[in-house]
């Protein structure tokens, strides 16, 4: 046992608690916010506008926030400030009335929230790498906490007036902020020095290929996220059965995160497995599979989402210059969000015309993502020192 072991355990413990706080809050916010907006008198069109506006704002907000964190070498500090801004924004939202006031406050608060994820991943990947710890074994607590938050949200929904549903969100976001302040500082608090060609990394074919691959594979979930519940209800499944199917997907994701540190595969292989899982999953879903096959297909969520997420963030963490760690994760988040927004709009049109056969288009998107993942792997292996090292480790 080394004398540094307690510090290592403290870092991982506090990080796991923070991820848990973030995803508990998210598990409450996602189902509650639309209900609260309706209780404030917004119609369906206005609710859609309020929910969509942060997707546009974060295109500008995330690069500013992550870029500032990298320039100052202050991942933890900026993460704490962003968490505090999210909590304060949702508290102010609770007092807002009228469409325009709600739109402005919800957009600002949610844009701050979306900036937390690339900052947290960059902080986690850097700190865990210093301690030779697995990212997935810590990130898994976030996935588990999301289930807890969603279940808790369902219970509260029957106990509170819809107009009061904002306050459990606010409480969860303030708890998240306290947990962010509990995070340990990274050992090297000095501003990172610029490395030659580091700015060119964000324009490199390898970076563009990885972000495009991950974005397409994740965006292939659009029909599932938007219409699987409607499709399954039309097939006669009960609400409990549908909830269980969604839980199977998250549990599969949790299992992958938990064992990822012991898997003998590199980021490129993880991206490829994510694409393969998505192609099989959506391809079979397009064929209207029997109900008994649905749990098996839901189990592929561990690959289609989990392996894709792990592969992308690990690729960028290992290949990006040190001073661009948060920035690279931020651009990945933006690209994924933009692709998901476009895919969601397209999936609505396709599902309206073709029903469940719309999953076939998602399989095609995942297949293209898999080809781009192969391109990215080859680019890194053949043209960068980091890629040659990663390729050697994977082989």
Protein backbone atom coordinates (compact mmCIF):
# COMPACT_ATOMS: atom_id res chain seq x y z
CA UNK A 1 0.00 0.00 0.00
CA UNK A 2 1.39 3.36 -0.96
CA UNK A 3 1.01 6.43 1.26
CA UNK A 4 -0.96 8.11 -1.54
CA UNK A 5 -3.77 5.56 -1.47
CA UNK A 6 -6.10 7.52 0.89
CA UNK A 7 -5.81 10.64 -1.28
CA UNK A 8 -6.61 8.55 -4.36
CA UNK A 9 -9.70 7.13 -2.68
CA UNK A 10 -10.83 10.59 -1.55
CA UNK A 11 -10.55 12.00 -5.06
CA UNK A 12 -12.57 9.18 -6.60
CA UNK A 13 -15.13 9.22 -3.78
CA UNK A 14 -15.76 12.95 -4.06
CA UNK A 15 -15.91 12.77 -7.84
CA UNK A 16 -18.41 9.90 -7.70
CA UNK A 17 -20.54 11.90 -5.26
CA UNK A 18 -20.45 14.91 -7.58
CA UNK A 19 -21.48 12.83 -10.61
CA UNK A 20 -24.28 11.42 -8.47
CA UNK A 21 -25.43 14.93 -7.55
CA UNK A 22 -25.39 16.09 -11.17
CA UNK A 23 -27.44 13.18 -12.45
CA UNK A 24 -29.92 13.14 -9.58
CA UNK A 25 -30.62 16.77 -10.43
CA UNK A 26 -30.89 15.91 -14.12
CA UNK A 27 -33.23 13.02 -13.34
CA UNK A 28 -35.53 15.48 -11.60
CA UNK A 29 -35.17 18.33 -14.11
CA UNK A 30 -35.93 16.34 -17.26
CA UNK A 31 -39.44 15.14 -16.28
CA UNK A 32 -40.35 18.13 -14.07
CA UNK A 33 -39.44 21.13 -16.21
CA UNK A 34 -42.06 20.60 -18.97
CA UNK A 35 -44.76 19.95 -16.34
CA UNK A 36 -43.81 23.12 -14.46
CA UNK A 37 -43.81 25.15 -17.68
CA UNK A 38 -47.33 23.93 -18.45
CA UNK A 39 -48.40 24.88 -14.92
CA UNK A 40 -47.08 28.40 -15.57
CA UNK A 41 -49.52 28.71 -18.45
CA UNK A 42 -47.28 27.96 -21.45
CA UNK A 43 -48.84 26.05 -24.33
CA UNK A 44 -47.12 23.22 -26.23
CA UNK A 45 -45.50 25.53 -28.77
CA UNK A 46 -44.11 27.83 -26.07
CA UNK A 47 -42.82 24.86 -24.06
CA UNK A 48 -41.05 23.54 -27.14
CA UNK A 49 -39.43 26.94 -27.67
CA UNK A 50 -38.25 27.14 -24.05
CA UNK A 51 -36.77 23.63 -24.21
CA UNK A 52 -35.10 24.21 -27.58
CA UNK A 53 -33.56 27.64 -26.88
CA UNK A 54 -30.74 26.32 -24.64
CA UNK A 55 -29.65 23.99 -27.45
CA UNK A 56 -28.85 27.08 -29.50
CA UNK A 57 -27.38 29.13 -26.66
CA UNK A 58 -25.00 26.38 -25.60
CA UNK A 59 -23.32 26.48 -29.02
CA UNK A 60 -21.90 29.81 -27.86
CA UNK A 61 -21.78 29.23 -24.09
CA UNK A 62 -19.92 25.92 -23.91
CA UNK A 63 -16.84 27.00 -25.94
CA UNK A 64 -16.57 30.20 -23.87
CA UNK A 65 -16.76 28.35 -20.56
CA UNK A 66 -14.50 25.41 -21.44
CA UNK A 67 -12.02 27.67 -23.22
CA UNK A 68 -11.77 29.90 -20.14
CA UNK A 69 -11.19 26.87 -17.93
CA UNK A 70 -8.34 25.69 -20.16
CA UNK A 71 -6.72 29.12 -20.49
CA UNK A 72 -6.75 29.69 -16.73
CA UNK A 73 -5.86 26.10 -15.83
CA UNK A 74 -8.82 26.17 -13.43
CA UNK A 75 -11.10 23.25 -14.27
CA UNK A 76 -12.34 22.82 -10.70
CA UNK A 77 -12.88 26.54 -10.12
CA UNK A 78 -14.84 27.09 -13.32
CA UNK A 79 -16.82 23.90 -12.65
CA UNK A 80 -17.86 25.24 -9.22
CA UNK A 81 -18.84 28.61 -10.70
CA UNK A 82 -20.87 26.93 -13.45
CA UNK A 83 -22.66 24.72 -10.93
CA UNK A 84 -23.45 27.77 -8.78
CA UNK A 85 -24.72 29.67 -11.85
CA UNK A 86 -27.01 26.74 -12.69
CA UNK A 87 -28.47 26.62 -9.18
CA UNK A 88 -28.93 30.39 -9.01
CA UNK A 89 -30.47 30.44 -12.50
CA UNK A 90 -33.08 27.83 -11.63
CA UNK A 91 -33.86 29.62 -8.34
CA UNK A 92 -34.54 32.83 -10.26
CA UNK A 93 -36.54 30.86 -12.81
CA UNK A 94 -38.85 29.80 -9.97
CA UNK A 95 -39.91 33.42 -9.53
CA UNK A 96 -40.27 34.19 -13.26
CA UNK A 97 -43.67 34.77 -14.83
CA UNK A 98 -44.67 35.22 -18.45
CA UNK A 99 -43.23 33.63 -21.56
CA UNK A 100 -40.31 36.01 -22.18
CA UNK A 101 -39.04 36.07 -18.60
CA UNK A 102 -39.24 32.28 -18.40
CA UNK A 103 -37.57 31.88 -21.79
CA UNK A 104 -34.60 34.07 -20.83
CA UNK A 105 -34.03 32.54 -17.38
CA UNK A 106 -34.55 28.94 -18.52
CA UNK A 107 -32.16 29.44 -21.43
CA UNK A 108 -29.41 30.93 -19.26
CA UNK A 109 -29.82 28.37 -16.48
CA UNK A 110 -29.92 25.37 -18.80
CA UNK A 111 -27.00 26.65 -20.88
CA UNK A 112 -24.97 26.78 -17.66
CA UNK A 113 -26.11 23.24 -16.84
CA UNK A 114 -24.98 21.87 -20.21
CA UNK A 115 -21.53 23.41 -19.69
CA UNK A 116 -21.06 21.30 -16.56
CA UNK A 117 -20.80 18.00 -18.45
CA UNK A 118 -17.68 18.69 -20.58
CA UNK A 119 -16.02 20.45 -17.64
CA UNK A 120 -16.75 17.52 -15.32
CA UNK A 121 -15.48 14.97 -17.84
CA UNK A 122 -12.29 16.95 -18.49
CA UNK A 123 -11.67 17.33 -14.73
CA UNK A 124 -12.42 13.65 -14.09
CA UNK A 125 -10.30 12.31 -16.93
CA UNK A 126 -7.31 14.43 -15.97
CA UNK A 127 -7.50 13.72 -12.26
CA UNK A 128 -8.19 10.00 -12.62
CA UNK A 129 -5.36 9.60 -15.13
CA UNK A 130 -2.97 11.10 -12.56
CA UNK A 131 -4.11 8.37 -10.16
CA UNK A 132 -4.30 5.50 -12.67
CA UNK A 133 -8.00 5.14 -12.03
CA UNK A 134 -10.74 4.17 -14.49
CA UNK A 135 -13.14 6.89 -15.66
CA UNK A 136 -16.00 4.43 -16.20
CA UNK A 137 -15.90 3.03 -12.66
CA UNK A 138 -16.54 6.55 -11.30
CA UNK A 139 -18.90 7.80 -14.01
CA UNK A 140 -21.13 4.79 -13.33
CA UNK A 141 -22.46 6.52 -10.22
CA UNK A 142 -23.99 9.19 -12.42
CA UNK A 143 -26.01 6.65 -14.38
CA UNK A 144 -27.25 5.02 -11.18
CA UNK A 145 -28.13 8.39 -9.68
CA UNK A 146 -30.17 9.30 -12.76
CA UNK A 147 -32.43 6.31 -12.11
CA UNK A 148 -32.81 7.40 -8.47
CA UNK A 149 -33.62 10.96 -9.50
CA UNK A 150 -36.19 9.84 -12.05
CA UNK A 151 -37.90 7.51 -9.58
CA UNK A 152 -37.94 10.24 -6.96
CA UNK A 153 -39.38 12.66 -9.48
CA UNK A 154 -42.21 10.25 -10.20
CA UNK A 155 -43.07 10.04 -6.50
CA UNK A 156 -42.97 13.81 -6.02
CA UNK A 157 -45.19 14.31 -9.05
CA UNK A 158 -48.08 12.75 -7.12
CA UNK A 159 -47.38 14.74 -3.95
CA UNK A 160 -46.87 18.36 -5.11
CA UNK A 161 -48.76 21.03 -6.99
CA UNK A 162 -47.37 21.33 -10.54
CA UNK A 163 -46.58 25.02 -9.94
CA UNK A 164 -44.22 24.00 -7.08
CA UNK A 165 -42.24 21.43 -9.04
CA UNK A 166 -39.44 23.92 -9.72
CA UNK A 167 -38.28 23.81 -6.10
CA UNK A 168 -37.12 20.17 -5.97
CA UNK A 169 -35.02 21.05 -9.03
CA UNK A 170 -33.58 24.08 -7.28
CA UNK A 171 -32.76 22.04 -4.17
CA UNK A 172 -31.04 19.35 -6.24
CA UNK A 173 -28.96 21.92 -8.13
CA UNK A 174 -27.83 23.60 -4.90
CA UNK A 175 -26.84 20.18 -3.52
CA UNK A 176 -24.89 19.62 -6.75
CA UNK A 177 -23.10 22.95 -6.17
CA UNK A 178 -22.08 21.95 -2.63
CA UNK A 179 -20.71 18.66 -3.99
CA UNK A 180 -18.73 20.55 -6.64
CA UNK A 181 -17.07 22.61 -3.90
CA UNK A 182 -16.15 19.31 -2.17
CA UNK A 183 -14.11 18.18 -5.19
CA UNK A 184 -10.38 18.03 -4.61
CA UNK A 185 -8.13 20.46 -6.49
CA UNK A 186 -6.00 18.95 -9.22
CA UNK A 187 -2.39 18.82 -8.07
CA UNK A 188 -1.06 21.14 -10.76
CA UNK A 189 -2.87 24.44 -10.33
CA UNK A 190 -0.53 26.35 -12.63
CA UNK A 191 -1.75 27.58 -15.96
CA UNK A 192 -0.84 25.00 -18.62
CA UNK A 193 1.68 26.09 -21.19
CA UNK A 194 0.67 26.20 -24.82
CA UNK A 195 2.12 23.34 -26.83
CA UNK A 196 3.18 23.74 -30.45
CA UNK A 197 0.29 23.14 -32.82
CA UNK A 198 -2.25 22.68 -30.03
CA UNK A 199 -4.73 25.05 -31.64
CA UNK A 200 -4.55 23.06 -34.86
CA UNK A 201 -5.74 19.97 -32.97
CA UNK A 202 -9.35 21.23 -33.01
CA UNK A 203 -9.15 21.54 -36.80
CA UNK A 204 -7.36 18.25 -37.37
CA UNK A 205 -9.00 15.51 -39.46
CA UNK A 206 -8.66 13.09 -36.54
CA UNK A 207 -10.54 15.34 -34.11
CA UNK A 208 -13.24 16.06 -36.68
CA UNK A 209 -13.60 12.35 -37.45
CA UNK A 210 -13.97 11.38 -33.77
CA UNK A 211 -16.52 14.09 -32.98
CA UNK A 212 -18.47 13.32 -36.16
CA UNK A 213 -18.45 9.58 -35.44
CA UNK A 214 -19.59 9.95 -31.83
CA UNK A 215 -22.20 12.56 -32.77
CA UNK A 216 -23.77 10.37 -35.46
CA UNK A 217 -23.85 7.28 -33.25
CA UNK A 218 -25.40 9.18 -30.34
CA UNK A 219 -27.84 10.99 -32.66
CA UNK A 220 -29.02 7.60 -33.92
CA UNK A 221 -30.88 7.30 -30.58
CA UNK A 222 -33.35 10.03 -31.64
CA UNK A 223 -36.24 7.74 -32.62
CA UNK A 224 -35.73 5.71 -29.44
CA UNK A 225 -35.67 8.76 -27.17
CA UNK A 226 -38.56 10.48 -28.86
CA UNK A 227 -40.93 7.73 -29.93
CA UNK A 228 -40.14 4.34 -28.36
CA UNK A 229 -42.65 4.86 -25.55
CA UNK A 230 -45.39 5.78 -28.05
CA UNK A 231 -44.48 2.80 -30.21
CA UNK A 232 -44.51 0.36 -27.30
CA UNK A 233 -47.79 1.69 -25.95
CA UNK A 234 -49.32 1.23 -29.39
CA UNK A 235 -48.08 -2.37 -29.26
CA UNK A 236 -49.99 -2.91 -26.03
CA UNK A 237 -47.20 -2.68 -23.43
CA UNK A 238 -48.12 -1.38 -19.99
CA UNK A 239 -46.46 1.60 -18.38
CA UNK A 240 -44.63 -0.70 -15.96
CA UNK A 241 -43.27 -2.81 -18.81
CA UNK A 242 -42.09 0.27 -20.70
CA UNK A 243 -40.41 1.64 -17.56
CA UNK A 244 -38.67 -1.71 -17.08
CA UNK A 245 -37.39 -1.67 -20.66
CA UNK A 246 -35.90 1.80 -20.17
CA UNK A 247 -34.32 0.62 -16.92
CA UNK A 248 -32.71 -2.34 -18.70
CA UNK A 249 -30.94 0.09 -21.03
CA UNK A 250 -29.57 2.19 -18.18
CA UNK A 251 -28.51 -0.90 -16.23
CA UNK A 252 -26.58 -2.15 -19.27
CA UNK A 253 -24.86 1.24 -19.44
CA UNK A 254 -24.01 0.99 -15.72
CA UNK A 255 -22.51 -2.47 -16.15
CA UNK A 256 -20.28 -1.31 -19.01
CA UNK A 257 -19.05 1.72 -17.04
CA UNK A 258 -18.36 -0.47 -14.01
CA UNK A 259 -16.19 -2.99 -15.90
CA UNK A 260 -14.66 -0.62 -18.47
CA UNK A 261 -11.40 -0.22 -16.56
CA UNK A 262 -10.73 -3.96 -16.90
CA UNK A 263 -11.61 -4.28 -20.59
CA UNK A 264 -8.61 -4.83 -22.92
CA UNK A 265 -9.90 -2.40 -25.57
CA UNK A 266 -8.86 1.10 -26.52
CA UNK A 267 -11.01 4.14 -27.35
CA UNK A 268 -11.13 3.30 -31.06
CA UNK A 269 -12.46 -0.17 -30.36
CA UNK A 270 -15.04 1.25 -27.96
CA UNK A 271 -16.31 3.64 -30.63
CA UNK A 272 -16.48 0.77 -33.11
CA UNK A 273 -18.38 -1.41 -30.63
CA UNK A 274 -20.77 1.47 -30.00
CA UNK A 275 -21.49 1.80 -33.71
CA UNK A 276 -21.92 -1.95 -34.15
CA UNK A 277 -24.30 -2.15 -31.19
CA UNK A 278 -26.36 0.73 -32.57
CA UNK A 279 -26.54 -0.75 -36.10
CA UNK A 280 -27.77 -4.10 -34.76
CA UNK A 281 -30.15 -2.49 -32.27
CA UNK A 282 -31.86 -0.11 -34.67
CA UNK A 283 -31.75 -2.51 -37.60
CA UNK A 284 -33.71 -5.13 -35.64
CA UNK A 285 -36.05 -2.51 -34.18
CA UNK A 286 -36.98 -1.45 -37.72
CA UNK A 287 -38.21 -5.02 -38.35
CA UNK A 288 -40.88 -4.84 -35.59
CA UNK A 289 -39.27 -7.52 -33.40
CA UNK A 290 -41.28 -9.73 -31.02
CA UNK A 291 -41.75 -8.34 -27.52
CA UNK A 292 -39.57 -11.02 -25.96
CA UNK A 293 -36.59 -9.70 -27.93
CA UNK A 294 -36.94 -6.13 -26.65
CA UNK A 295 -34.97 -6.65 -23.38
CA UNK A 296 -32.05 -8.04 -25.39
CA UNK A 297 -32.11 -5.05 -27.73
CA UNK A 298 -32.33 -2.70 -24.75
CA UNK A 299 -29.24 -4.38 -23.35
CA UNK A 300 -27.37 -3.07 -26.40
CA UNK A 301 -27.74 0.43 -24.92
CA UNK A 302 -24.57 -0.39 -23.03
CA UNK A 303 -22.80 -0.38 -26.41
CA UNK A 304 -24.80 2.11 -28.50
CA UNK A 305 -24.63 4.81 -25.81
CA UNK A 306 -22.14 3.66 -23.16
CA UNK A 307 -19.28 2.42 -25.37
CA UNK A 308 -19.70 5.41 -27.70
CA UNK A 309 -19.50 7.88 -24.82
CA UNK A 310 -16.49 6.17 -23.26
CA UNK A 311 -14.67 5.84 -26.57
CA UNK A 312 -15.14 9.49 -27.50
CA UNK A 313 -14.18 11.07 -24.18
CA UNK A 314 -11.17 8.75 -23.74
CA UNK A 315 -9.98 9.44 -27.29
CA UNK A 316 -10.01 13.18 -26.66
CA UNK A 317 -8.56 12.92 -23.16
CA UNK A 318 -5.54 10.97 -24.38
CA UNK A 319 -4.91 12.79 -27.64
CA UNK A 320 -5.83 16.43 -26.95
CA UNK A 321 -3.04 18.78 -25.80
CA UNK A 322 -3.20 19.41 -22.07
CA UNK A 323 -4.39 23.00 -22.42
CA UNK A 324 -7.27 21.93 -24.67
CA UNK A 325 -8.74 19.13 -22.55
CA UNK A 326 -11.95 20.91 -21.52
CA UNK A 327 -12.23 22.71 -24.86
CA UNK A 328 -12.10 19.44 -26.80
CA UNK A 329 -14.77 17.87 -24.56
CA UNK A 330 -16.86 21.03 -25.01
CA UNK A 331 -16.76 20.85 -28.79
CA UNK A 332 -17.68 17.17 -28.58
CA UNK A 333 -20.73 18.13 -26.49
CA UNK A 334 -21.73 20.83 -28.99
CA UNK A 335 -21.36 18.52 -31.99
CA UNK A 336 -23.36 15.78 -30.27
CA UNK A 337 -26.10 18.23 -29.29
CA UNK A 338 -26.37 19.68 -32.79
CA UNK A 339 -26.51 16.23 -34.37
CA UNK A 340 -29.13 15.11 -31.85
CA UNK A 341 -31.27 18.19 -32.50
CA UNK A 342 -31.20 17.61 -36.27
CA UNK A 343 -31.80 13.88 -35.88
CA UNK A 344 -34.72 14.50 -33.50
CA UNK A 345 -36.40 16.80 -36.01
CA UNK A 346 -35.85 14.27 -38.79
CA UNK A 347 -37.05 11.37 -36.66
CA UNK A 348 -40.37 13.13 -36.07
CA UNK A 349 -40.97 13.37 -39.80
CA UNK A 350 -39.87 9.79 -40.44
CA UNK A 351 -41.87 8.31 -37.58
CA UNK A 352 -44.98 10.19 -38.71
CA UNK A 353 -44.74 8.56 -42.16
CA UNK A 354 -43.13 5.17 -41.51
CA UNK A 355 -43.75 4.41 -37.84
CA UNK A 356 -41.24 2.00 -36.31
CA UNK A 357 -39.49 1.52 -39.64
CA UNK A 358 -37.91 4.94 -38.99
CA UNK A 359 -35.33 3.03 -36.92
CA UNK A 360 -33.76 1.96 -40.25
CA UNK A 361 -32.56 5.53 -40.83
CA UNK A 362 -30.99 5.48 -37.36
CA UNK A 363 -29.13 2.28 -38.26
CA UNK A 364 -27.74 4.01 -41.35
CA UNK A 365 -26.57 7.00 -39.26
CA UNK A 366 -24.83 4.66 -36.82
CA UNK A 367 -23.18 2.78 -39.69
CA UNK A 368 -21.75 6.02 -41.09
CA UNK A 369 -20.57 6.87 -37.58
CA UNK A 370 -18.81 3.52 -37.39
CA UNK A 371 -16.99 4.16 -40.66
CA UNK A 372 -15.86 7.55 -39.36
CA UNK A 373 -14.68 5.89 -36.15
CA UNK A 374 -12.48 3.60 -38.26
CA UNK A 375 -11.12 6.62 -40.13
CA UNK A 376 -10.39 8.40 -36.85
CA UNK A 377 -8.57 5.37 -35.47
CA UNK A 378 -6.38 5.13 -38.54
CA UNK A 379 -5.63 8.87 -38.57
CA UNK A 380 -4.47 8.83 -34.98
CA UNK A 381 -2.50 5.63 -35.40
CA UNK A 382 -0.72 6.74 -38.54
CA UNK A 383 -0.17 10.46 -37.99
CA UNK A 384 0.18 11.25 -34.29
CA UNK A 385 2.51 10.01 -31.52
CA UNK A 386 -0.49 9.64 -29.19
CA UNK A 387 -2.29 7.53 -31.75
CA UNK A 388 0.67 5.21 -32.26
CA UNK A 389 0.89 4.71 -28.51
CA UNK A 390 -2.85 4.04 -28.24
CA UNK A 391 -2.75 1.63 -31.16
CA UNK A 392 0.14 -0.28 -29.64
CA UNK A 393 -1.71 -0.56 -26.32
CA UNK A 394 -4.90 -1.72 -28.02
CA UNK A 395 -3.04 -4.34 -30.03
